[in-house]
Structure formats: structure tokens, C-alpha cells
Amino acid sequence: MLLKNSHFRNADLSDADVSIAFLPLMNAQIQPVAAKLAPTPIDGEALRRSALNVVTIEAQAIDALKNRIDGNFMRACQVMFDCAGRIVVSGMGKSGHIARKIAATLASTGTPAFFVHPAEASHGDLGMITQKDVVLALSNSGETDELLTILPLIKRQGVPLIAMTGNAASSLARLSDVHLDVSVPEEACPLGLAPTSSTTAALVMGDALAIALLEARGFTDEDFARSHPAGTLGRRLLLHIGDVMHTGEAIPSVDTHATLFEAVLEMTRKGLGMTAITDPEGRLLGVFTDGDLRRAVDDGDIDLRTTPVVRLMTINPKTIGPDKLAVEAARVMEAHKIHALLVVDSDRRVVGALNIHDLLRARVV
């Protein structure tokens, strides 16, 4: 053992003797953990004042942008609107984070855009920018080295440059084709160091550009949904009745000669809580539901085995077309307090059926 060789080198001890000798040392190291001191309570009112001050300062920074929606803003929108390629958004540090968000917002609202890191651009990513693109560069100081390094190459390509800075006299502002002023009187950080008001102002200016372009392009909610197919909005705006309805043999349906008993069997087999009653051509005449069945059971004069279902069916029930949005079926069900719908074509032929559980599975509701 190392301990035996180092501490008991001159002693003639066995390993067992060394272990016994070492035991007190081991026990000495096993000490109870001291109780942690309770954290010093902080001043809640001071926290509140600090937070309110941040909100006030940043709100003032946003309010000041109203006077900057001017000719430069219009020119920036026109350059971006006329872009045959994509909007390349770039920035370093916190401005880079804002630039990423602006690129994402532009892309999801009808203006193709992506983010390029300015440092990476100097090491190959500049090849992602083509002559058809427009560059939107963000820098509060307007003197970010990484951006200034790639500017000559961007200008040499003839790529339009829109700069968003807090310093109209900066190098980036002077070299740009269009300058957007996002300067702020002060940062919300009491040290005046952490980008707070300045990043908020840049973010709001980016949103203003994106939404102005959205409206200029006539971008619709369905266009937005196509960019968000996995989201709730995408499902609501892209999913149609035809995508979720039961079809063919899965449609509960009986003819006019069916008895209540036969209608109940059909409802049970298909599991939608209803059945359609149709004519020989498949056109809808009425519907019989679970609710109708309960009312029939309570009526002692009705024989389930012999009473024709047409006697108790609901004539002209609520229906929906297969090309309607699935969310519309949810609205119809909610408005009329029903849980299932038959789907009919323009000739009133039954082509499908669905209930609230189908909409839940499709995550429309």
C-alpha cells in the first residue's frame, strides 16, 4: 500500500496493521455537514422599483421610435420588398441574438430571410450571400469590427446594405445604403453597460419592418400557417374536414326501412354516437343520435325492435362540407351543443362523418 510505504516505511507492519492505524484518520475525515446559512433576504420593494424603472426606460425607448418611421424606413421597406433573393440579417453579441429573431420573424411572415454570423462570414459563410440578396446589419455602436471587416466585400458585390445602429455618425451607418436609427437615451442597466433598451429598440424596429412588409405583400393567415404546419395555428388553418373525417364503410348510415334497433346496432359498430338516414342515392334525410336513443328509451310507447328510425330522426340536421376547415366543425359543434357532424357534398350525399374526438386527436381543439 502507498500509505504503508510512505508513512510506515521503517516499520514492520502488515497490511492489516496499516488499515487499523489508518482507521482513526478515516474517521476524522467523516464530519457532519455544517448547516447552510439562511440566505440574506432581499428588499422586495427595491426589486419592484428596479423592475418598474427598467420597464419605464425601455417603454420610452420604444416610444421614441415613432418619430423614426420616416423616409429611411420607407426606403428600407422598398429595398427589402424588391429583393429577388433573401434578407441576410447579421450582428454580433446581443445584436446577433436580435438579428436572429428578426430573420426568423421575416421568414415566417413572407419575407425569405436567414441569419449569418459576421465572424463566420469572414471564414467562408460570406459565400452564402448572393448579389440578389439584401443585407440587414445590426450594431448599436455601428463600429463592430466583425461587421466592418466584411462590408467591403458586400459592397463589392453590389449587395444593398441596410444598417440598424444607435449611432448615425458611425462607420456602418455611413457605409450603408439605408440607415435606420435605433438610438436610445439610456440603457435600462444602471451601469449603462448591458444592452437592454438598445436591443429592445432594435427588436421593435425589426418587427415594424416585418409587419409592414407582411401587409405590403398581402400575406394572409393561411400563408402564415404554411410556415407553421406543426403549430396550433397551422393545424387550425391548414387541416380540412376531409383530412379528419371517417369515410366509406366507417360512415354510420342506415336506409329509411331501418328500425331503431338496426340504427342502434349501426351506431354501436361505427362508434360515432350517431347514424345517418339516407335515401337509395345516399342523400341525407336525417340523423339519429345517442340523445335520440335515450329519449326513445324513456318513452314506453316506443318498441325499439319495430319502430322505424325515420319516426324519431332529426330532419335537416347540422352538416358540414369536406372542404371546410376542421376548426369550423368545432365551431358548429360548440354553437349547437352537438358532438358529431355528418359531412355532405353539394348534392347532400353523405361523404363522411366525424365527432369531437376526431378533432381532439387532430389537436384542432
Protein backbone atom coordinates (compact mmCIF):
# COMPACT_ATOMS: atom_id res chain seq x y z
CA MET A 1 0.00 0.00 0.00
CA LEU A 2 1.15 3.56 -0.68
CA LEU A 3 0.36 4.56 2.87
CA LYS A 4 2.43 1.71 4.25
CA ASN A 5 5.38 2.54 2.05
CA SER A 6 5.32 6.29 2.72
CA HIS A 7 4.34 6.62 6.35
CA PHE A 8 5.43 3.31 7.78
CA ARG A 9 8.48 2.69 5.66
CA ASN A 10 10.69 1.77 8.64
CA ALA A 11 8.08 -0.23 10.47
CA ASP A 12 7.48 -3.92 10.05
CA LEU A 13 3.70 -3.77 9.73
CA SER A 14 1.26 -5.92 7.85
CA ASP A 15 -1.47 -4.53 5.61
CA ALA A 16 -3.96 -5.26 8.36
CA ASP A 17 -1.87 -3.27 10.84
CA VAL A 18 -1.73 -0.35 8.43
CA SER A 19 -5.50 -0.47 7.94
CA ILE A 20 -6.04 -0.37 11.70
CA ALA A 21 -3.61 2.51 12.03
CA PHE A 22 -5.34 4.38 9.21
CA LEU A 23 -8.86 3.96 10.67
CA PRO A 24 -8.73 6.96 13.05
CA LEU A 25 -7.62 9.14 10.15
CA MET A 26 -10.55 7.93 8.05
CA ASN A 27 -12.98 8.54 10.88
CA ALA A 28 -11.56 12.00 11.43
CA GLN A 29 -12.48 12.93 7.85
CA ILE A 30 -16.11 11.98 8.30
CA GLN A 31 -17.54 15.17 9.72
CA PRO A 32 -21.16 16.27 9.84
CA VAL A 33 -22.02 18.80 7.14
CA ALA A 34 -22.47 22.20 8.65
CA ALA A 35 -25.93 23.63 8.23
CA LYS A 36 -26.11 26.12 5.39
CA LEU A 37 -26.62 29.66 6.43
CA ALA A 38 -30.02 31.05 5.53
CA PRO A 39 -29.82 33.43 2.51
CA THR A 40 -29.96 37.09 3.29
CA PRO A 41 -33.45 38.34 2.45
CA ILE A 42 -33.54 40.97 -0.28
CA ASP A 43 -35.62 44.11 -0.29
CA GLY A 44 -38.80 43.32 -2.22
CA GLU A 45 -39.71 46.97 -2.65
CA ALA A 46 -36.28 47.70 -4.08
CA LEU A 47 -36.76 44.88 -6.57
CA ARG A 48 -40.11 46.33 -7.59
CA ARG A 49 -38.65 49.82 -8.08
CA SER A 50 -35.81 48.42 -10.17
CA ALA A 51 -38.14 46.38 -12.38
CA LEU A 52 -40.52 49.31 -12.90
CA ASN A 53 -37.58 51.51 -13.83
CA VAL A 54 -36.49 49.02 -16.49
CA VAL A 55 -39.99 48.85 -17.96
CA THR A 56 -40.28 52.65 -17.98
CA ILE A 57 -36.92 53.23 -19.65
CA GLU A 58 -37.50 50.58 -22.31
CA ALA A 59 -41.03 51.84 -22.98
CA GLN A 60 -39.61 55.31 -23.56
CA ALA A 61 -37.05 53.85 -25.96
CA ILE A 62 -39.83 52.18 -27.95
CA ASP A 63 -41.96 55.33 -27.92
CA ALA A 64 -39.07 57.31 -29.40
CA LEU A 65 -39.12 55.04 -32.45
CA LYS A 66 -42.41 56.57 -33.61
CA ASN A 67 -40.51 59.58 -34.98
CA ARG A 68 -38.12 57.27 -36.86
CA ILE A 69 -40.80 55.71 -39.05
CA ASP A 70 -39.76 58.13 -41.75
CA GLY A 71 -38.39 58.21 -45.27
CA ASN A 72 -35.47 55.96 -44.32
CA PHE A 73 -37.89 53.36 -43.00
CA MET A 74 -39.90 53.53 -46.23
CA ARG A 75 -36.75 53.12 -48.32
CA ALA A 76 -35.67 50.14 -46.23
CA CYS A 77 -39.05 48.51 -46.77
CA GLN A 78 -38.88 49.17 -50.52
CA VAL A 79 -35.39 47.67 -50.81
CA MET A 80 -36.49 44.57 -48.90
CA PHE A 81 -39.75 44.32 -50.84
CA ASP A 82 -37.87 44.44 -54.16
CA CYS A 83 -35.30 41.86 -53.04
CA ALA A 84 -35.20 38.95 -55.51
CA GLY A 85 -33.17 36.84 -53.12
CA ARG A 86 -33.24 36.76 -49.34
CA ILE A 87 -32.70 39.20 -46.49
CA VAL A 88 -29.40 38.35 -44.80
CA VAL A 89 -29.51 39.58 -41.21
CA SER A 90 -26.26 39.86 -39.23
CA GLY A 91 -24.98 41.12 -35.90
CA MET A 92 -22.54 40.28 -33.10
CA GLY A 93 -23.23 39.57 -29.44
CA LYS A 94 -26.60 40.72 -28.18
CA SER A 95 -27.26 42.39 -31.52
CA GLY A 96 -26.68 38.97 -33.07
CA HIS A 97 -29.41 37.46 -30.90
CA ILE A 98 -31.79 40.22 -32.01
CA ALA A 99 -30.71 39.72 -35.62
CA ARG A 100 -31.57 36.00 -35.40
CA LYS A 101 -35.05 36.83 -34.12
CA ILE A 102 -35.63 39.44 -36.82
CA ALA A 103 -34.57 36.94 -39.51
CA ALA A 104 -36.97 34.35 -38.06
CA THR A 105 -39.83 36.86 -37.96
CA LEU A 106 -39.21 37.98 -41.54
CA ALA A 107 -39.06 34.39 -42.78
CA SER A 108 -42.32 33.43 -41.07
CA THR A 109 -44.20 36.47 -42.37
CA GLY A 110 -43.49 36.16 -46.08
CA THR A 111 -40.02 37.71 -46.47
CA PRO A 112 -37.39 34.99 -47.01
CA ALA A 113 -34.52 35.66 -44.61
CA PHE A 114 -31.72 33.98 -42.69
CA PHE A 115 -29.02 34.89 -40.16
CA VAL A 116 -25.30 34.96 -40.91
CA HIS A 117 -22.78 35.30 -38.09
CA PRO A 118 -20.37 38.09 -39.10
CA ALA A 119 -17.33 36.35 -37.63
CA GLU A 120 -18.15 33.15 -39.50
CA ALA A 121 -18.76 35.20 -42.65
CA SER A 122 -15.05 36.08 -42.69
CA HIS A 123 -14.24 32.37 -42.71
CA GLY A 124 -16.38 31.15 -45.57
CA ASP A 125 -20.00 31.94 -44.74
CA LEU A 126 -19.81 35.11 -46.83
CA GLY A 127 -20.38 32.76 -49.75
CA MET A 128 -23.97 32.39 -48.54
CA ILE A 129 -24.67 35.97 -49.66
CA THR A 130 -25.51 36.46 -53.33
CA GLN A 131 -25.97 39.56 -55.49
CA LYS A 132 -29.74 39.06 -55.32
CA ASP A 133 -29.79 39.40 -51.54
CA VAL A 134 -30.11 42.36 -49.19
CA VAL A 135 -28.01 42.63 -46.02
CA LEU A 136 -29.56 43.98 -42.81
CA ALA A 137 -26.72 44.64 -40.33
CA LEU A 138 -27.30 45.39 -36.63
CA SER A 139 -24.79 47.14 -34.37
CA ASN A 140 -25.60 49.57 -31.58
CA SER A 141 -22.22 51.29 -31.85
CA GLY A 142 -22.01 50.95 -35.60
CA GLU A 143 -18.34 50.08 -35.19
CA THR A 144 -18.46 46.31 -34.71
CA ASP A 145 -15.19 45.02 -36.12
CA GLU A 146 -16.61 41.75 -37.44
CA LEU A 147 -19.22 43.62 -39.48
CA LEU A 148 -16.83 46.28 -40.74
CA THR A 149 -14.44 43.55 -41.92
CA ILE A 150 -16.98 42.07 -44.33
CA LEU A 151 -18.51 45.36 -45.51
CA PRO A 152 -16.02 45.93 -48.38
CA LEU A 153 -16.81 42.51 -49.80
CA ILE A 154 -20.55 43.11 -49.51
CA LYS A 155 -20.24 46.50 -51.20
CA ARG A 156 -18.02 45.00 -53.91
CA GLN A 157 -20.79 42.52 -54.76
CA GLY A 158 -23.24 45.37 -55.08
CA VAL A 159 -25.46 43.94 -52.36
CA PRO A 160 -27.78 46.61 -50.84
CA LEU A 161 -26.93 47.28 -47.19
CA ILE A 162 -29.44 48.39 -44.58
CA ALA A 163 -27.84 49.33 -41.27
CA MET A 164 -29.65 49.45 -37.95
CA THR A 165 -27.50 51.31 -35.42
CA GLY A 166 -27.62 53.63 -32.45
CA ASN A 167 -25.06 56.00 -33.97
CA ALA A 168 -25.86 57.79 -37.22
CA ALA A 169 -22.25 59.01 -37.49
CA SER A 170 -20.77 55.51 -37.23
CA SER A 171 -18.84 53.72 -39.96
CA LEU A 172 -21.63 51.19 -40.52
CA ALA A 173 -24.26 53.92 -40.83
CA ARG A 174 -22.14 55.96 -43.27
CA LEU A 175 -21.37 52.96 -45.49
CA SER A 176 -24.97 51.74 -45.65
CA ASP A 177 -27.47 52.41 -48.42
CA VAL A 178 -30.21 52.97 -45.85
CA HIS A 179 -29.71 53.74 -42.16
CA LEU A 180 -32.33 53.06 -39.50
CA ASP A 181 -31.77 54.99 -36.29
CA VAL A 182 -32.46 52.87 -33.20
CA SER A 183 -30.54 55.02 -30.72
CA VAL A 184 -31.81 55.22 -27.14
CA PRO A 185 -31.28 57.91 -24.47
CA GLU A 186 -30.05 55.35 -21.95
CA GLU A 187 -29.78 51.65 -21.25
CA ALA A 188 -32.03 50.22 -18.56
CA CYS A 189 -28.94 48.69 -16.94
CA PRO A 190 -27.93 51.02 -14.05
CA LEU A 191 -24.28 50.54 -15.05
CA GLY A 192 -25.09 51.61 -18.58
CA LEU A 193 -23.27 48.54 -19.87
CA ALA A 194 -25.67 45.64 -20.51
CA PRO A 195 -27.58 46.09 -23.79
CA THR A 196 -31.21 46.45 -22.72
CA SER A 197 -33.07 49.42 -24.15
CA SER A 198 -30.92 49.33 -27.29
CA THR A 199 -31.71 45.70 -28.07
CA THR A 200 -35.39 46.27 -27.36
CA ALA A 201 -35.47 49.21 -29.78
CA ALA A 202 -33.72 47.16 -32.48
CA LEU A 203 -36.12 44.27 -31.97
CA VAL A 204 -39.18 46.50 -32.29
CA MET A 205 -37.78 48.18 -35.41
CA GLY A 206 -37.24 44.73 -36.89
CA ASP A 207 -40.82 43.77 -36.08
CA ALA A 208 -42.02 47.00 -37.69
CA LEU A 209 -40.16 46.12 -40.89
CA ALA A 210 -41.52 42.56 -40.92
CA ILE A 211 -45.15 43.53 -40.34
CA ALA A 212 -45.03 46.43 -42.81
CA LEU A 213 -43.72 44.02 -45.45
CA LEU A 214 -46.31 41.41 -44.47
CA GLU A 215 -49.11 43.84 -45.20
CA ALA A 216 -47.44 45.13 -48.36
CA ARG A 217 -47.28 41.57 -49.71
CA GLY A 218 -50.89 40.82 -48.81
CA PHE A 219 -49.67 37.97 -46.59
CA THR A 220 -52.65 36.05 -45.15
CA ASP A 221 -53.25 33.84 -42.13
CA GLU A 222 -53.19 30.81 -44.42
CA ASP A 223 -49.79 31.88 -45.76
CA PHE A 224 -48.61 32.16 -42.17
CA ALA A 225 -49.95 28.71 -41.36
CA ARG A 226 -47.97 27.18 -44.22
CA SER A 227 -44.83 28.33 -42.46
CA HIS A 228 -46.07 26.84 -39.17
CA PRO A 229 -47.62 23.48 -40.11
CA ALA A 230 -46.70 21.83 -36.81
CA GLY A 231 -48.15 24.56 -34.61
CA THR A 232 -51.66 25.05 -33.32
CA LEU A 233 -52.29 27.82 -35.82
CA GLY A 234 -51.08 25.64 -38.67
CA ARG A 235 -53.44 22.83 -37.74
CA ARG A 236 -56.34 25.24 -37.42
CA LEU A 237 -55.73 26.91 -40.76
CA LEU A 238 -54.50 24.00 -42.87
CA LEU A 239 -56.44 20.97 -41.65
CA HIS A 240 -59.69 20.42 -43.53
CA ILE A 241 -62.71 18.26 -42.74
CA GLY A 242 -61.67 15.86 -45.47
CA ASP A 243 -58.39 15.26 -43.60
CA VAL A 244 -60.02 14.02 -40.39
CA MET A 245 -63.43 12.62 -41.30
CA HIS A 246 -64.40 8.94 -41.44
CA THR A 247 -65.20 7.74 -44.94
CA GLY A 248 -66.56 4.70 -46.78
CA GLU A 249 -67.61 1.80 -44.60
CA ALA A 250 -66.67 3.76 -41.47
CA ILE A 251 -69.62 6.15 -42.01
CA PRO A 252 -72.61 5.19 -39.83
CA SER A 253 -75.60 5.03 -42.16
CA VAL A 254 -78.94 3.20 -42.50
CA ASP A 255 -81.76 3.45 -45.04
CA THR A 256 -85.33 4.55 -44.46
CA HIS A 257 -86.55 0.99 -43.77
CA ALA A 258 -84.29 0.51 -40.75
CA THR A 259 -85.76 0.06 -37.28
CA LEU A 260 -84.49 1.79 -34.17
CA PHE A 261 -82.79 -1.47 -33.22
CA GLU A 262 -80.92 -1.59 -36.52
CA ALA A 263 -79.94 2.06 -36.16
CA VAL A 264 -78.58 1.38 -32.66
CA LEU A 265 -76.53 -1.54 -33.98
CA GLU A 266 -75.05 0.69 -36.69
CA MET A 267 -74.22 3.40 -34.15
CA THR A 268 -72.56 0.83 -31.92
CA ARG A 269 -70.47 -0.64 -34.73
CA LYS A 270 -69.24 2.72 -36.02
CA GLY A 271 -68.75 4.37 -32.63
CA LEU A 272 -69.55 7.97 -33.54
CA GLY A 273 -72.65 8.37 -31.41
CA MET A 274 -74.98 8.82 -34.39
CA THR A 275 -76.08 7.38 -37.70
CA ALA A 276 -77.24 9.00 -40.91
CA ILE A 277 -80.54 8.04 -42.51
CA THR A 278 -80.21 8.23 -46.29
CA ASP A 279 -82.29 7.62 -49.41
CA PRO A 280 -81.27 5.00 -52.03
CA GLU A 281 -78.95 7.55 -53.71
CA GLY A 282 -77.13 8.23 -50.46
CA ARG A 283 -78.64 11.66 -49.91
CA LEU A 284 -79.12 12.69 -46.30
CA LEU A 285 -82.66 12.64 -44.93
CA GLY A 286 -81.96 12.84 -41.22
CA VAL A 287 -79.80 11.77 -38.31
CA PHE A 288 -80.39 9.61 -35.24
CA THR A 289 -78.12 10.23 -32.24
CA ASP A 290 -77.36 8.90 -28.77
CA GLY A 291 -79.58 11.64 -27.39
CA ASP A 292 -82.48 10.49 -29.54
CA LEU A 293 -81.94 6.95 -28.30
CA ARG A 294 -82.10 8.00 -24.64
CA ARG A 295 -85.33 9.85 -25.26
CA ALA A 296 -86.76 6.80 -27.07
CA VAL A 297 -85.89 4.51 -24.17
CA ASP A 298 -87.78 6.80 -21.80
CA ASP A 299 -90.88 6.60 -24.00
CA GLY A 300 -92.84 3.47 -23.06
CA ASP A 301 -94.87 3.58 -26.28
CA ILE A 302 -91.82 3.03 -28.47
CA ASP A 303 -90.71 -0.50 -29.36
CA LEU A 304 -87.03 -0.40 -30.26
CA ARG A 305 -87.31 -3.52 -32.42
CA THR A 306 -90.20 -2.47 -34.59
CA THR A 307 -90.34 1.35 -34.61
CA PRO A 308 -88.92 2.80 -37.86
CA VAL A 309 -85.94 5.07 -37.25
CA VAL A 310 -87.42 7.71 -39.59
CA ARG A 311 -90.11 8.29 -36.98
CA LEU A 312 -87.59 9.66 -34.47
CA MET A 313 -84.79 11.00 -36.67
CA THR A 314 -83.88 14.67 -36.75
CA ILE A 315 -84.72 16.12 -40.15
CA ASN A 316 -82.30 18.62 -41.74
CA PRO A 317 -79.50 18.12 -39.17
CA LYS A 318 -76.42 20.30 -38.98
CA THR A 319 -73.85 19.27 -41.58
CA ILE A 320 -70.56 20.48 -42.99
CA GLY A 321 -68.72 20.22 -46.30
CA PRO A 322 -65.47 18.26 -46.74
CA ASP A 323 -63.57 21.32 -47.98
CA LYS A 324 -64.28 23.34 -44.84
CA LEU A 325 -61.59 23.84 -42.21
CA ALA A 326 -61.66 21.34 -39.37
CA VAL A 327 -61.81 24.20 -36.88
CA GLU A 328 -65.14 25.21 -38.44
CA ALA A 329 -66.59 21.85 -37.39
CA ALA A 330 -65.55 22.64 -33.83
CA ARG A 331 -67.36 25.98 -34.01
CA VAL A 332 -70.54 24.34 -35.33
CA MET A 333 -70.47 21.69 -32.61
CA GLU A 334 -69.93 24.28 -29.89
CA ALA A 335 -72.60 26.65 -31.20
CA HIS A 336 -75.28 23.94 -31.43
CA LYS A 337 -74.13 21.85 -28.45
CA ILE A 338 -73.65 18.69 -30.52
CA HIS A 339 -70.77 16.24 -30.54
CA ALA A 340 -70.81 14.86 -34.08
CA LEU A 341 -71.38 16.03 -37.64
CA LEU A 342 -72.21 14.42 -40.95
CA VAL A 343 -70.23 15.58 -43.97
CA VAL A 344 -72.16 16.08 -47.19
CA ASP A 345 -71.31 17.18 -50.72
CA SER A 346 -73.16 19.76 -52.81
CA ASP A 347 -75.89 17.20 -53.62
CA ARG A 348 -76.47 16.37 -49.92
CA ARG A 349 -74.86 12.95 -50.36
CA VAL A 350 -73.16 11.75 -47.18
CA VAL A 351 -69.41 11.51 -47.83
CA GLY A 352 -68.09 11.44 -44.29
CA ALA A 353 -68.68 11.76 -40.57
CA LEU A 354 -66.71 12.96 -37.56
CA ASN A 355 -67.14 13.69 -33.89
CA ILE A 356 -65.43 15.81 -31.28
CA HIS A 357 -62.91 13.05 -30.51
CA ASP A 358 -61.63 13.20 -34.09
CA LEU A 359 -60.98 16.92 -33.66
CA LEU A 360 -59.26 16.31 -30.33
CA ARG A 361 -57.00 13.69 -31.88
CA ALA A 362 -56.13 16.10 -34.66
CA ARG A 363 -55.40 18.73 -31.94
CA VAL A 364 -57.75 21.21 -33.57
CA VAL A 365 -59.47 21.79 -30.22
